[in-house]
Amino acid sequence: MRSILRNLVLAPVALAAAALATNTAMAEATVHVPFNFSVAGKICPAGAYKVLEDNSRSVVTLESVDASRSFSWLIRPGDPAPNDTRVTLRFDQLGQGYALQSVQYHSRITPRLDKNAPHSEHRPVTAIEGQ
């Protein structure tokens, strides 16, 4: 009788722990950026970056693989098609450098991130897709 009672108490605890672990999980993709770029006034080196979307689908995070740099933004429905599954970083080319313009995670996208950079429809935009 004691083991049945213990199992009845432990089963809900185990289910709650599993649900919490699922809720805090983040979807993730890796993007390899072949050049240095700026984000929020900080220079980020070329290399691999993780793009993570939280479970609520309202925040996207760009994080270096070694976790030395991390940036998070609100993300919202954008121009991509509702069934788009790409993860894309878009960069504005500014002289010899690059500034992160936006992050697309599937059908959701950040607002323009490099608001202080001068914009022109003739300025080259570089897009890098993740895996």
Protein backbone atom coordinates (compact mmCIF):
# COMPACT_ATOMS: atom_id res chain seq x y z
CA MET A 1 0.00 0.00 0.00
CA ARG A 2 2.84 2.37 0.84
CA SER A 3 4.47 1.93 -2.62
CA ILE A 4 1.17 2.60 -4.40
CA LEU A 5 0.71 5.82 -2.46
CA ARG A 6 4.30 6.84 -3.20
CA ASN A 7 3.80 6.17 -6.93
CA LEU A 8 0.61 8.23 -6.92
CA VAL A 9 2.51 11.18 -5.46
CA LEU A 10 5.67 10.82 -7.59
CA ALA A 11 3.92 10.36 -10.94
CA PRO A 12 2.49 13.93 -11.07
CA VAL A 13 5.84 15.35 -9.94
CA ALA A 14 7.62 13.55 -12.77
CA LEU A 15 5.02 14.73 -15.31
CA ALA A 16 5.33 18.33 -14.09
CA ALA A 17 9.13 18.19 -14.42
CA ALA A 18 8.86 16.82 -17.95
CA ALA A 19 6.37 19.54 -18.91
CA LEU A 20 8.62 22.26 -17.48
CA ALA A 21 11.62 20.92 -19.43
CA THR A 22 9.57 20.96 -22.63
CA ASN A 23 8.29 24.48 -21.99
CA THR A 24 11.74 25.97 -21.51
CA ALA A 25 13.23 24.31 -24.59
CA MET A 26 14.19 26.61 -27.43
CA ALA A 27 14.22 25.87 -31.14
CA GLU A 28 17.68 26.46 -32.60
CA ALA A 29 19.61 26.77 -35.88
CA THR A 30 23.27 27.47 -36.63
CA VAL A 31 24.46 30.19 -39.02
CA HIS A 32 28.07 30.56 -40.22
CA VAL A 33 28.92 34.24 -40.76
CA PRO A 34 32.08 34.64 -42.90
CA PHE A 35 32.83 38.25 -41.86
CA ASN A 36 32.98 40.50 -38.80
CA PHE A 37 29.79 42.48 -38.19
CA SER A 38 28.28 44.92 -35.71
CA VAL A 39 25.21 44.47 -33.52
CA ALA A 40 23.98 47.10 -31.07
CA GLY A 41 27.29 48.93 -31.31
CA LYS A 42 29.38 45.83 -30.58
CA ILE A 43 31.70 44.12 -33.06
CA CYS A 44 31.12 40.38 -33.47
CA PRO A 45 33.79 38.21 -35.10
CA ALA A 46 33.21 35.95 -38.06
CA GLY A 47 32.18 32.45 -37.04
CA ALA A 48 29.32 30.20 -36.05
CA TYR A 49 26.28 31.64 -34.29
CA LYS A 50 23.20 29.97 -32.88
CA VAL A 51 19.80 31.47 -33.59
CA LEU A 52 17.27 30.42 -30.96
CA GLU A 53 13.55 31.08 -30.75
CA ASP A 54 11.90 30.78 -27.36
CA ASN A 55 8.93 28.50 -26.86
CA SER A 56 6.48 31.43 -26.85
CA ARG A 57 7.72 32.37 -30.35
CA SER A 58 8.07 36.01 -29.29
CA VAL A 59 11.83 36.32 -28.70
CA VAL A 60 14.78 35.37 -30.89
CA THR A 61 18.36 35.19 -29.60
CA LEU A 62 21.60 35.37 -31.57
CA GLU A 63 24.40 33.75 -29.60
CA SER A 64 27.99 32.96 -30.49
CA VAL A 65 28.70 29.24 -30.29
CA ASP A 66 31.13 29.84 -27.42
CA ALA A 67 28.39 31.89 -25.67
CA SER A 68 30.69 34.92 -25.32
CA ARG A 69 28.16 37.15 -27.11
CA SER A 70 24.39 37.05 -26.94
CA PHE A 71 21.67 39.39 -28.20
CA SER A 72 17.89 39.00 -27.90
CA TRP A 73 15.04 40.78 -29.67
CA LEU A 74 11.30 40.60 -29.94
CA ILE A 75 10.20 38.84 -33.10
CA ARG A 76 6.91 39.20 -34.94
CA PRO A 77 5.12 38.00 -38.05
CA GLY A 78 6.78 39.49 -41.09
CA ASP A 79 6.93 39.36 -44.87
CA PRO A 80 8.02 35.73 -45.11
CA ALA A 81 5.34 33.24 -46.12
CA PRO A 82 3.57 31.51 -43.20
CA ASN A 83 5.16 28.17 -44.16
CA ASP A 84 8.70 29.57 -44.55
CA THR A 85 11.23 27.47 -42.60
CA ARG A 86 14.39 29.48 -43.28
CA VAL A 87 16.58 31.02 -40.61
CA THR A 88 18.24 34.06 -42.15
CA LEU A 89 20.50 36.85 -40.95
CA ARG A 90 20.44 39.97 -43.15
CA PHE A 91 23.31 42.45 -43.08
CA ASP A 92 23.69 45.97 -44.47
CA GLN A 93 27.07 46.60 -46.00
CA LEU A 94 28.49 49.83 -44.57
CA GLY A 95 31.73 50.76 -46.28
CA GLN A 96 34.11 47.89 -45.54
CA GLY A 97 31.98 46.49 -42.69
CA TYR A 98 28.60 44.90 -42.07
CA ALA A 99 25.79 45.67 -39.63
CA LEU A 100 23.11 43.14 -38.71
CA GLN A 101 19.86 44.40 -40.23
CA SER A 102 17.37 41.69 -39.18
CA VAL A 103 16.94 38.11 -38.02
CA GLN A 104 14.31 35.89 -39.63
CA TYR A 105 13.28 32.71 -37.83
CA HIS A 106 10.84 30.80 -40.06
CA SER A 107 7.86 33.08 -40.75
CA ARG A 108 8.77 35.58 -38.01
CA ILE A 109 11.25 38.45 -38.20
CA THR A 110 12.77 41.19 -36.04
CA PRO A 111 12.22 44.85 -36.82
CA ARG A 112 15.19 46.65 -38.38
CA LEU A 113 18.08 46.34 -35.93
CA ASP A 114 20.58 48.84 -37.38
CA LYS A 115 18.36 51.92 -37.07
CA ASN A 116 21.32 54.29 -36.62
CA ALA A 117 23.01 53.18 -39.86
CA PRO A 118 22.32 55.29 -42.95
CA HIS A 119 19.88 53.45 -45.24
CA SER A 120 19.52 53.48 -48.98
CA GLU A 121 17.62 51.19 -51.31
CA HIS A 122 20.85 50.99 -53.35
CA ARG A 123 22.94 49.73 -50.41
CA PRO A 124 23.90 46.06 -50.77
CA VAL A 125 22.20 43.62 -48.36
CA THR A 126 23.85 40.27 -47.63
CA ALA A 127 21.66 37.38 -46.47
CA ILE A 128 23.08 34.27 -44.81
CA GLU A 129 20.86 31.25 -44.18
CA GLY A 130 21.28 28.83 -41.32
CA GLN A 131 20.91 25.09 -41.04
